[in-house]
Amino acid sequence: MGLLCLMAFRVCCLSSERVFFHLLGSKQRGLSTTLVAFGGGAALLWAAAWAFSQPMMIVGALLPSLIYTLHFILYVTAFSQGEVNSVSPWTNLSVLLLFLWSPTGGIWGWLGLAAFAVAIWLMLERPARNWRPVLTVAAASALLTVGRILDLGQVHGPVLVYAANIYGWVSLWTLILILVKGQAGDVLRLVSQRPQWSILSATSNAASYLTLVWLIHRLPLSALEALSSLSALIAALVGSFWLLEPVSRRKMMASWLMSAGAVALLWDHLGGNGFQD
C-alpha cells in the first residue's frame, strides 16, 4: 500500500503543478516563472534536508541539473504560453523515449506503446492553432528523458538531499541567466503580483520531484514516466472544465489513449511483479 500511495501522491502533485504553472506564468517570461517555481521548491527542499537529513553537496547532481535547467525552462514556458489541455498530453513523449531506451518486453508494454503512438497521431491531425508551446514541450520531454537516465545512475544516497541539490543547482543556473538578461525585476513583480500561485507552484513542484526520486529505484523508468503521464489527463480535464479552455473530441480522445497506454505500461511491470513495498 505504501507504494500505491506514493504513486497516487505523485500523480496528484504533477496534475496540480501543471495547472499552477499555467496560472503563475500566464503572459509572463519563462525564465522568471522557472526561478519562482523552482527557486521556491529548492528553498523548501533544503529546509526539509536541514530538518530531517544530513545536508551536503552532491557533485554528481551537477550534470543532471544542467539538463533539467534547460528542460524546466522549456517546460514552464510551454505551460505558460499554451493551453493546459493542449500542451499537457505532449509531456508523455518521454514515456515513449524511455520505453524505447529500455523496453520492458511484455505484451502490455507494447500495447501501451501503440496507444501512445495512436494518440500522438491524433494530436498531429488536429488543426494547428498554436504549435509553438507543443514543440517547446516536446523538446522539454527529450531533455527530461536524458535527465531521468542520469538520475537513475546518481540516486543512491538520501533522496531528500539529492532532490535539494538538483533544485538548488537548477535555481542557480536560472538565476545566472536572469541576471545576464537583466530580468531580475520580472521575478520580483511576479512574486508580488501572484503570491498564491508562486507558493502553490513551488510546493507542488518540489513534492512532485521528491516523489520521483523516492520511486526511481522501485519502478522501471518507462513505468515511472507512464505513472507521471496519468497526470496529463487530469491536467487536461482541469484545463477544460475549470480554466474553460476549448477542447475538441479528438484532443480529449488522445489524452484518454495516452492514459490507457500509461496504465498498460504500468501493468506490464506491476502485473507480473506485484506492488511490493
C-alpha atoms as a PDB file:
ATOM      1  CA  MET A   1       0.000   0.000   0.000  1.00  0.00           C
ATOM      2  CA  GLY A   2       2.900   2.349   0.633  1.00  0.00           C
ATOM      3  CA  LEU A   3       3.983   2.150  -2.994  1.00  0.00           C
ATOM      4  CA  LEU A   4       0.439   2.718  -4.245  1.00  0.00           C
ATOM      5  CA  CYS A   5       0.003   5.761  -2.001  1.00  0.00           C
ATOM      6  CA  LEU A   6       3.308   7.226  -3.178  1.00  0.00           C
ATOM      7  CA  MET A   7       2.319   6.657  -6.817  1.00  0.00           C
ATOM      8  CA  ALA A   8      -1.063   8.330  -6.281  1.00  0.00           C
ATOM      9  CA  PHE A   9       0.582  11.260  -4.491  1.00  0.00           C
ATOM     10  CA  ARG A  10       2.959  11.803  -7.435  1.00  0.00           C
ATOM     11  CA  VAL A  11       0.057  11.901  -9.890  1.00  0.00           C
ATOM     12  CA  CYS A  12      -1.755  14.472  -7.723  1.00  0.00           C
ATOM     13  CA  CYS A  13       1.359  16.640  -7.373  1.00  0.00           C
ATOM     14  CA  LEU A  14       2.099  16.640 -11.095  1.00  0.00           C
ATOM     15  CA  SER A  15      -1.510  17.376 -12.050  1.00  0.00           C
ATOM     16  CA  SER A  16      -1.695  20.381  -9.745  1.00  0.00           C
ATOM     17  CA  GLU A  17       1.817  21.527 -10.714  1.00  0.00           C
ATOM     18  CA  ARG A  18       0.879  21.866 -14.376  1.00  0.00           C
ATOM     19  CA  VAL A  19      -2.207  23.914 -13.623  1.00  0.00           C
ATOM     20  CA  PHE A  20      -0.362  26.141 -11.124  1.00  0.00           C
ATOM     21  CA  PHE A  21       2.457  26.738 -13.642  1.00  0.00           C
ATOM     22  CA  HIS A  22      -0.111  27.935 -16.140  1.00  0.00           C
ATOM     23  CA  LEU A  23      -1.763  30.248 -13.599  1.00  0.00           C
ATOM     24  CA  LEU A  24       1.596  31.549 -12.382  1.00  0.00           C
ATOM     25  CA  GLY A  25       3.261  32.071 -15.741  1.00  0.00           C
ATOM     26  CA  SER A  26       0.416  33.163 -17.999  1.00  0.00           C
ATOM     27  CA  LYS A  27       1.709  36.080 -20.121  1.00  0.00           C
ATOM     28  CA  GLN A  28       4.991  36.073 -18.164  1.00  0.00           C
ATOM     29  CA  ARG A  29       8.562  35.322 -19.227  1.00  0.00           C
ATOM     30  CA  GLY A  30       9.592  31.675 -18.930  1.00  0.00           C
ATOM     31  CA  LEU A  31      12.818  32.375 -17.017  1.00  0.00           C
ATOM     32  CA  SER A  32      11.140  34.357 -14.249  1.00  0.00           C
ATOM     33  CA  THR A  33       8.400  31.743 -13.872  1.00  0.00           C
ATOM     34  CA  THR A  34      11.022  28.996 -13.721  1.00  0.00           C
ATOM     35  CA  LEU A  35      13.012  30.731 -10.988  1.00  0.00           C
ATOM     36  CA  VAL A  36       9.927  31.405  -8.864  1.00  0.00           C
ATOM     37  CA  ALA A  37       8.660  27.820  -9.148  1.00  0.00           C
ATOM     38  CA  PHE A  38      11.998  26.035  -8.816  1.00  0.00           C
ATOM     39  CA  GLY A  39      13.740  28.518  -6.539  1.00  0.00           C
ATOM     40  CA  GLY A  40      10.842  28.243  -4.133  1.00  0.00           C
ATOM     41  CA  GLY A  41      10.945  24.467  -4.488  1.00  0.00           C
ATOM     42  CA  ALA A  42      14.682  24.454  -3.769  1.00  0.00           C
ATOM     43  CA  ALA A  43      14.149  26.519  -0.611  1.00  0.00           C
ATOM     44  CA  LEU A  44      11.542  24.052   0.635  1.00  0.00           C
ATOM     45  CA  LEU A  45      13.713  21.012  -0.144  1.00  0.00           C
ATOM     46  CA  TRP A  46      16.818  22.456   1.515  1.00  0.00           C
ATOM     47  CA  ALA A  47      14.779  23.413   4.588  1.00  0.00           C
ATOM     48  CA  ALA A  48      13.493  19.836   4.786  1.00  0.00           C
ATOM     49  CA  ALA A  49      17.021  18.470   4.251  1.00  0.00           C
ATOM     50  CA  TRP A  50      18.310  20.530   7.184  1.00  0.00           C
ATOM     51  CA  ALA A  51      15.406  19.402   9.357  1.00  0.00           C
ATOM     52  CA  PHE A  52      15.244  15.685   8.534  1.00  0.00           C
ATOM     53  CA  SER A  53      18.538  14.656   6.918  1.00  0.00           C
ATOM     54  CA  GLN A  54      22.242  15.434   6.612  1.00  0.00           C
ATOM     55  CA  PRO A  55      22.579  18.275   4.071  1.00  0.00           C
ATOM     56  CA  MET A  56      25.595  18.024   1.793  1.00  0.00           C
ATOM     57  CA  MET A  57      26.709  18.906  -1.711  1.00  0.00           C
ATOM     58  CA  ILE A  58      26.452  16.124  -4.287  1.00  0.00           C
ATOM     59  CA  VAL A  59      28.853  16.658  -7.176  1.00  0.00           C
ATOM     60  CA  GLY A  60      27.037  14.065  -9.290  1.00  0.00           C
ATOM     61  CA  ALA A  61      23.966  16.305  -9.329  1.00  0.00           C
ATOM     62  CA  LEU A  62      25.766  18.955 -11.393  1.00  0.00           C
ATOM     63  CA  LEU A  63      25.308  17.431 -14.875  1.00  0.00           C
ATOM     64  CA  PRO A  64      21.664  16.368 -14.355  1.00  0.00           C
ATOM     65  CA  SER A  65      20.914  19.850 -13.037  1.00  0.00           C
ATOM     66  CA  LEU A  66      22.176  21.434 -16.275  1.00  0.00           C
ATOM     67  CA  ILE A  67      19.926  19.145 -18.314  1.00  0.00           C
ATOM     68  CA  TYR A  68      16.985  19.842 -16.015  1.00  0.00           C
ATOM     69  CA  THR A  69      17.566  23.586 -16.181  1.00  0.00           C
ATOM     70  CA  LEU A  70      17.051  23.541 -19.936  1.00  0.00           C
ATOM     71  CA  HIS A  71      14.123  21.136 -19.544  1.00  0.00           C
ATOM     72  CA  PHE A  72      12.407  23.201 -16.871  1.00  0.00           C
ATOM     73  CA  ILE A  73      12.748  26.463 -18.779  1.00  0.00           C
ATOM     74  CA  LEU A  74      11.138  24.893 -21.855  1.00  0.00           C
ATOM     75  CA  TYR A  75       8.535  23.069 -19.732  1.00  0.00           C
ATOM     76  CA  VAL A  76       7.408  26.131 -17.804  1.00  0.00           C
ATOM     77  CA  THR A  77       7.458  28.274 -20.952  1.00  0.00           C
ATOM     78  CA  ALA A  78       5.208  25.774 -22.743  1.00  0.00           C
ATOM     79  CA  PHE A  79       2.631  25.679 -19.935  1.00  0.00           C
ATOM     80  CA  SER A  80       2.808  29.444 -19.519  1.00  0.00           C
ATOM     81  CA  GLN A  81       2.139  30.164 -23.184  1.00  0.00           C
ATOM     82  CA  GLY A  82      -0.099  27.267 -24.229  1.00  0.00           C
ATOM     83  CA  GLU A  83      -3.456  25.878 -23.155  1.00  0.00           C
ATOM     84  CA  VAL A  84      -3.071  23.225 -20.457  1.00  0.00           C
ATOM     85  CA  ASN A  85      -5.281  20.695 -22.275  1.00  0.00           C
ATOM     86  CA  SER A  86      -3.260  21.132 -25.495  1.00  0.00           C
ATOM     87  CA  VAL A  87       0.241  21.051 -24.020  1.00  0.00           C
ATOM     88  CA  SER A  88      -0.156  18.512 -21.219  1.00  0.00           C
ATOM     89  CA  PRO A  89      -0.626  15.344 -23.361  1.00  0.00           C
ATOM     90  CA  TRP A  90       2.659  16.015 -25.143  1.00  0.00           C
ATOM     91  CA  THR A  91       4.620  15.623 -21.922  1.00  0.00           C
ATOM     92  CA  ASN A  92       4.058  11.896 -22.471  1.00  0.00           C
ATOM     93  CA  LEU A  93       6.663  11.807 -25.249  1.00  0.00           C
ATOM     94  CA  SER A  94       9.234  10.995 -22.565  1.00  0.00           C
ATOM     95  CA  VAL A  95       7.359   7.735 -21.893  1.00  0.00           C
ATOM     96  CA  LEU A  96       7.900   6.629 -25.480  1.00  0.00           C
ATOM     97  CA  LEU A  97      11.544   7.624 -25.452  1.00  0.00           C
ATOM     98  CA  LEU A  98      12.275   5.849 -22.151  1.00  0.00           C
ATOM     99  CA  PHE A  99      10.424   2.724 -23.272  1.00  0.00           C
ATOM    100  CA  LEU A 100      12.478   2.624 -26.482  1.00  0.00           C
ATOM    101  CA  TRP A 101      15.654   3.182 -24.425  1.00  0.00           C
ATOM    102  CA  SER A 102      14.823   0.251 -22.135  1.00  0.00           C
ATOM    103  CA  PRO A 103      11.744  -1.712 -23.298  1.00  0.00           C
ATOM    104  CA  THR A 104      10.039  -3.960 -20.766  1.00  0.00           C
ATOM    105  CA  GLY A 105       9.418  -6.554 -23.481  1.00  0.00           C
ATOM    106  CA  GLY A 106       5.936  -7.673 -22.357  1.00  0.00           C
ATOM    107  CA  ILE A 107       2.802  -7.614 -24.493  1.00  0.00           C
ATOM    108  CA  TRP A 108       1.174  -4.974 -22.272  1.00  0.00           C
ATOM    109  CA  GLY A 109       4.206  -2.760 -22.711  1.00  0.00           C
ATOM    110  CA  TRP A 110       3.988  -2.897 -26.483  1.00  0.00           C
ATOM    111  CA  LEU A 111       0.218  -2.321 -26.398  1.00  0.00           C
ATOM    112  CA  GLY A 112       0.871   0.730 -24.259  1.00  0.00           C
ATOM    113  CA  LEU A 113       3.454   1.952 -26.746  1.00  0.00           C
ATOM    114  CA  ALA A 114       0.926   1.512 -29.580  1.00  0.00           C
ATOM    115  CA  ALA A 115      -1.684   3.527 -27.637  1.00  0.00           C
ATOM    116  CA  PHE A 116       0.803   6.372 -27.237  1.00  0.00           C
ATOM    117  CA  ALA A 117       1.648   6.273 -30.952  1.00  0.00           C
ATOM    118  CA  VAL A 118      -2.036   6.472 -31.960  1.00  0.00           C
ATOM    119  CA  ALA A 119      -2.615   9.306 -29.505  1.00  0.00           C
ATOM    120  CA  ILE A 120       0.285  11.294 -30.942  1.00  0.00           C
ATOM    121  CA  TRP A 121      -1.110  10.747 -34.445  1.00  0.00           C
ATOM    122  CA  LEU A 122      -4.472  12.086 -33.265  1.00  0.00           C
ATOM    123  CA  MET A 123      -2.795  15.147 -31.824  1.00  0.00           C
ATOM    124  CA  LEU A 124      -0.860  15.740 -35.043  1.00  0.00           C
ATOM    125  CA  GLU A 125      -4.034  15.575 -37.115  1.00  0.00           C
ATOM    126  CA  ARG A 126      -5.845  18.305 -35.176  1.00  0.00           C
ATOM    127  CA  PRO A 127      -5.937  21.717 -36.907  1.00  0.00           C
ATOM    128  CA  ALA A 128      -2.869  23.701 -35.895  1.00  0.00           C
ATOM    129  CA  ARG A 129      -3.632  26.853 -33.912  1.00  0.00           C
ATOM    130  CA  ASN A 130      -0.502  27.428 -31.895  1.00  0.00           C
ATOM    131  CA  TRP A 131       2.176  24.783 -32.293  1.00  0.00           C
ATOM    132  CA  ARG A 132       4.967  26.685 -30.567  1.00  0.00           C
ATOM    133  CA  PRO A 133       4.072  25.527 -26.998  1.00  0.00           C
ATOM    134  CA  VAL A 134       3.669  21.951 -28.284  1.00  0.00           C
ATOM    135  CA  LEU A 135       7.087  21.930 -29.950  1.00  0.00           C
ATOM    136  CA  THR A 136       8.552  23.527 -26.825  1.00  0.00           C
ATOM    137  CA  VAL A 137       7.184  20.824 -24.534  1.00  0.00           C
ATOM    138  CA  ALA A 138       8.308  18.114 -26.990  1.00  0.00           C
ATOM    139  CA  ALA A 139      11.879  19.401 -26.736  1.00  0.00           C
ATOM    140  CA  ALA A 140      11.472  19.528 -22.952  1.00  0.00           C
ATOM    141  CA  SER A 141      10.385  15.873 -22.962  1.00  0.00           C
ATOM    142  CA  ALA A 142      13.533  14.841 -24.848  1.00  0.00           C
ATOM    143  CA  LEU A 143      15.696  16.615 -22.269  1.00  0.00           C
ATOM    144  CA  LEU A 144      13.644  15.050 -19.459  1.00  0.00           C
ATOM    145  CA  THR A 145      14.457  11.604 -20.851  1.00  0.00           C
ATOM    146  CA  VAL A 146      18.178  12.328 -20.565  1.00  0.00           C
ATOM    147  CA  GLY A 147      17.714  13.731 -17.064  1.00  0.00           C
ATOM    148  CA  ARG A 148      15.850  10.647 -15.846  1.00  0.00           C
ATOM    149  CA  ILE A 149      18.584   8.347 -17.153  1.00  0.00           C
ATOM    150  CA  LEU A 150      21.195  10.434 -15.348  1.00  0.00           C
ATOM    151  CA  ASP A 151      19.075  10.404 -12.161  1.00  0.00           C
ATOM    152  CA  LEU A 152      18.960   6.625 -12.223  1.00  0.00           C
ATOM    153  CA  GLY A 153      22.739   6.471 -12.007  1.00  0.00           C
ATOM    154  CA  GLN A 154      23.029   9.127  -9.284  1.00  0.00           C
ATOM    155  CA  VAL A 155      20.252   8.494  -6.740  1.00  0.00           C
ATOM    156  CA  HIS A 156      21.941   6.175  -4.233  1.00  0.00           C
ATOM    157  CA  GLY A 157      22.010   8.245  -1.013  1.00  0.00           C
ATOM    158  CA  PRO A 158      19.321  10.231   0.830  1.00  0.00           C
ATOM    159  CA  VAL A 159      16.702  11.181  -1.740  1.00  0.00           C
ATOM    160  CA  LEU A 160      15.800  14.419   0.032  1.00  0.00           C
ATOM    161  CA  VAL A 161      19.381  15.657  -0.164  1.00  0.00           C
ATOM    162  CA  TYR A 162      19.690  14.689  -3.837  1.00  0.00           C
ATOM    163  CA  ALA A 163      16.426  16.479  -4.711  1.00  0.00           C
ATOM    164  CA  ALA A 164      17.581  19.589  -2.813  1.00  0.00           C
ATOM    165  CA  ASN A 165      20.883  19.569  -4.715  1.00  0.00           C
ATOM    166  CA  ILE A 166      19.200  19.252  -8.108  1.00  0.00           C
ATOM    167  CA  TYR A 167      16.770  22.090  -7.415  1.00  0.00           C
ATOM    168  CA  GLY A 168      19.461  24.233  -5.846  1.00  0.00           C
ATOM    169  CA  TRP A 169      21.696  23.963  -8.908  1.00  0.00           C
ATOM    170  CA  VAL A 170      18.771  24.473 -11.302  1.00  0.00           C
ATOM    171  CA  SER A 171      17.804  27.640  -9.427  1.00  0.00           C
ATOM    172  CA  LEU A 172      21.394  28.902  -9.547  1.00  0.00           C
ATOM    173  CA  TRP A 173      21.721  28.350 -13.328  1.00  0.00           C
ATOM    174  CA  THR A 174      18.358  30.032 -13.902  1.00  0.00           C
ATOM    175  CA  LEU A 175      19.295  32.981 -11.679  1.00  0.00           C
ATOM    176  CA  ILE A 176      22.538  33.471 -13.637  1.00  0.00           C
ATOM    177  CA  LEU A 177      20.581  33.552 -16.912  1.00  0.00           C
ATOM    178  CA  ILE A 178      18.106  36.054 -15.449  1.00  0.00           C
ATOM    179  CA  LEU A 179      20.877  38.356 -14.212  1.00  0.00           C
ATOM    180  CA  VAL A 180      22.679  38.191 -17.568  1.00  0.00           C
ATOM    181  CA  LYS A 181      19.448  39.101 -19.381  1.00  0.00           C
ATOM    182  CA  GLY A 182      18.582  41.822 -16.846  1.00  0.00           C
ATOM    183  CA  GLN A 183      15.232  40.289 -15.892  1.00  0.00           C
ATOM    184  CA  ALA A 184      15.558  40.302 -12.080  1.00  0.00           C
ATOM    185  CA  GLY A 185      12.753  42.849 -11.833  1.00  0.00           C
ATOM    186  CA  ASP A 186      10.383  40.441 -13.576  1.00  0.00           C
ATOM    187  CA  VAL A 187      10.880  37.885 -10.805  1.00  0.00           C
ATOM    188  CA  LEU A 188      10.070  40.349  -8.032  1.00  0.00           C
ATOM    189  CA  ARG A 189       6.991  41.619  -9.867  1.00  0.00           C
ATOM    190  CA  LEU A 190       5.757  38.077 -10.496  1.00  0.00           C
ATOM    191  CA  VAL A 191       6.015  37.091  -6.819  1.00  0.00           C
ATOM    192  CA  SER A 192       4.342  40.301  -5.640  1.00  0.00           C
ATOM    193  CA  GLN A 193       1.528  40.080  -8.195  1.00  0.00           C
ATOM    194  CA  ARG A 194       0.826  36.341  -7.887  1.00  0.00           C
ATOM    195  CA  PRO A 195       1.958  35.244  -4.409  1.00  0.00           C
ATOM    196  CA  GLN A 196      -0.567  32.431  -4.067  1.00  0.00           C
ATOM    197  CA  TRP A 197       0.378  30.796  -7.374  1.00  0.00           C
ATOM    198  CA  SER A 198       4.070  31.287  -6.558  1.00  0.00           C
ATOM    199  CA  ILE A 199       3.691  29.334  -3.300  1.00  0.00           C
ATOM    200  CA  LEU A 200       1.493  26.613  -4.799  1.00  0.00           C
ATOM    201  CA  SER A 201       3.762  26.182  -7.845  1.00  0.00           C
ATOM    202  CA  ALA A 202       6.873  25.861  -5.671  1.00  0.00           C
ATOM    203  CA  THR A 203       5.251  23.432  -3.225  1.00  0.00           C
ATOM    204  CA  SER A 204       3.711  21.108  -5.827  1.00  0.00           C
ATOM    205  CA  ASN A 205       6.898  21.254  -7.902  1.00  0.00           C
ATOM    206  CA  ALA A 206       9.164  20.247  -5.010  1.00  0.00           C
ATOM    207  CA  ALA A 207       6.792  17.476  -3.923  1.00  0.00           C
ATOM    208  CA  SER A 208       6.494  16.015  -7.432  1.00  0.00           C
ATOM    209  CA  TYR A 209      10.274  15.715  -7.893  1.00  0.00           C
ATOM    210  CA  LEU A 210      10.770  14.320  -4.398  1.00  0.00           C
ATOM    211  CA  THR A 211       8.283  11.540  -5.097  1.00  0.00           C
ATOM    212  CA  LEU A 212      10.125  10.784  -8.334  1.00  0.00           C
ATOM    213  CA  VAL A 213      13.477  10.199  -6.635  1.00  0.00           C
ATOM    214  CA  TRP A 214      11.728   8.079  -3.998  1.00  0.00           C
ATOM    215  CA  LEU A 215      10.281   5.874  -6.760  1.00  0.00           C
ATOM    216  CA  ILE A 216      13.173   5.812  -9.212  1.00  0.00           C
ATOM    217  CA  HIS A 217      14.645   2.512  -7.974  1.00  0.00           C
ATOM    218  CA  ARG A 218      11.243   0.923  -7.352  1.00  0.00           C
ATOM    219  CA  LEU A 219       9.839   1.212 -10.877  1.00  0.00           C
ATOM    220  CA  PRO A 220      11.451   0.985 -14.341  1.00  0.00           C
ATOM    221  CA  LEU A 221      11.960   4.429 -15.862  1.00  0.00           C
ATOM    222  CA  SER A 222       9.338   3.848 -18.569  1.00  0.00           C
ATOM    223  CA  ALA A 223       6.791   2.713 -15.949  1.00  0.00           C
ATOM    224  CA  LEU A 224       7.673   5.666 -13.725  1.00  0.00           C
ATOM    225  CA  GLU A 225       7.126   8.146 -16.535  1.00  0.00           C
ATOM    226  CA  ALA A 226       3.946   6.300 -17.505  1.00  0.00           C
ATOM    227  CA  LEU A 227       2.705   6.903 -13.975  1.00  0.00           C
ATOM    228  CA  SER A 228       3.572  10.574 -14.392  1.00  0.00           C
ATOM    229  CA  SER A 229       1.661  10.692 -17.661  1.00  0.00           C
ATOM    230  CA  LEU A 230      -1.606   9.853 -15.891  1.00  0.00           C
ATOM    231  CA  SER A 231      -1.471  13.380 -14.532  1.00  0.00           C
ATOM    232  CA  ALA A 232      -1.594  14.719 -18.099  1.00  0.00           C
ATOM    233  CA  LEU A 233      -5.200  13.580 -18.451  1.00  0.00           C
ATOM    234  CA  ILE A 234      -6.165  15.112 -15.105  1.00  0.00           C
ATOM    235  CA  ALA A 235      -4.456  18.382 -16.046  1.00  0.00           C
ATOM    236  CA  ALA A 236      -6.200  18.376 -19.421  1.00  0.00           C
ATOM    237  CA  LEU A 237      -9.591  17.846 -17.743  1.00  0.00           C
ATOM    238  CA  VAL A 238      -8.890  20.663 -15.277  1.00  0.00           C
ATOM    239  CA  GLY A 239      -7.859  22.929 -18.143  1.00  0.00           C
ATOM    240  CA  SER A 240     -11.109  22.168 -19.965  1.00  0.00           C
ATOM    241  CA  PHE A 241     -13.625  22.333 -17.117  1.00  0.00           C
ATOM    242  CA  TRP A 242     -12.040  24.707 -14.578  1.00  0.00           C
ATOM    243  CA  LEU A 243      -9.992  27.044 -16.773  1.00  0.00           C
ATOM    244  CA  LEU A 244     -12.653  26.763 -19.510  1.00  0.00           C
ATOM    245  CA  GLU A 245     -10.134  26.148 -22.284  1.00  0.00           C
ATOM    246  CA  PRO A 246     -11.613  24.983 -25.622  1.00  0.00           C
ATOM    247  CA  VAL A 247     -11.284  21.234 -26.173  1.00  0.00           C
ATOM    248  CA  SER A 248     -12.037  19.030 -29.170  1.00  0.00           C
ATOM    249  CA  ARG A 249     -13.235  15.442 -29.069  1.00  0.00           C
ATOM    250  CA  ARG A 250     -10.090  14.400 -30.929  1.00  0.00           C
ATOM    251  CA  LYS A 251      -7.831  16.087 -28.367  1.00  0.00           C
ATOM    252  CA  MET A 252      -9.602  14.521 -25.398  1.00  0.00           C
ATOM    253  CA  MET A 253      -9.558  11.109 -27.073  1.00  0.00           C
ATOM    254  CA  ALA A 254      -5.794  11.427 -27.454  1.00  0.00           C
ATOM    255  CA  SER A 255      -5.468  12.243 -23.755  1.00  0.00           C
ATOM    256  CA  TRP A 256      -7.527   9.188 -22.802  1.00  0.00           C
ATOM    257  CA  LEU A 257      -5.477   6.970 -25.128  1.00  0.00           C
ATOM    258  CA  MET A 258      -2.221   8.194 -23.599  1.00  0.00           C
ATOM    259  CA  SER A 259      -3.571   7.455 -20.144  1.00  0.00           C
ATOM    260  CA  ALA A 260      -4.646   3.981 -21.242  1.00  0.00           C
ATOM    261  CA  GLY A 261      -1.154   3.452 -22.638  1.00  0.00           C
ATOM    262  CA  ALA A 262       0.301   4.557 -19.308  1.00  0.00           C
ATOM    263  CA  VAL A 263      -1.841   2.021 -17.444  1.00  0.00           C
ATOM    264  CA  ALA A 264      -0.732  -0.716 -19.859  1.00  0.00           C
ATOM    265  CA  LEU A 265       2.938   0.134 -19.313  1.00  0.00           C
ATOM    266  CA  LEU A 266       2.455   0.093 -15.550  1.00  0.00           C
ATOM    267  CA  TRP A 267       0.603  -3.221 -15.692  1.00  0.00           C
ATOM    268  CA  ASP A 268       3.373  -4.678 -17.852  1.00  0.00           C
ATOM    269  CA  HIS A 269       5.708  -4.194 -14.893  1.00  0.00           C
ATOM    270  CA  LEU A 270       3.477  -4.324 -11.821  1.00  0.00           C
ATOM    271  CA  GLY A 271       1.157  -7.035 -13.054  1.00  0.00           C
ATOM    272  CA  GLY A 272       3.979  -9.518 -13.065  1.00  0.00           C
ATOM    273  CA  ASN A 273       5.981  -8.252 -10.133  1.00  0.00           C
ATOM    274  CA  GLY A 274       3.252  -7.155  -7.726  1.00  0.00           C
ATOM    275  CA  PHE A 275       3.001  -3.978  -5.685  1.00  0.00           C
ATOM    276  CA  GLN A 276       5.924  -4.562  -3.402  1.00  0.00           C
ATOM    277  CA  ASP A 277       6.810  -2.003  -0.707  1.00  0.00           C
END
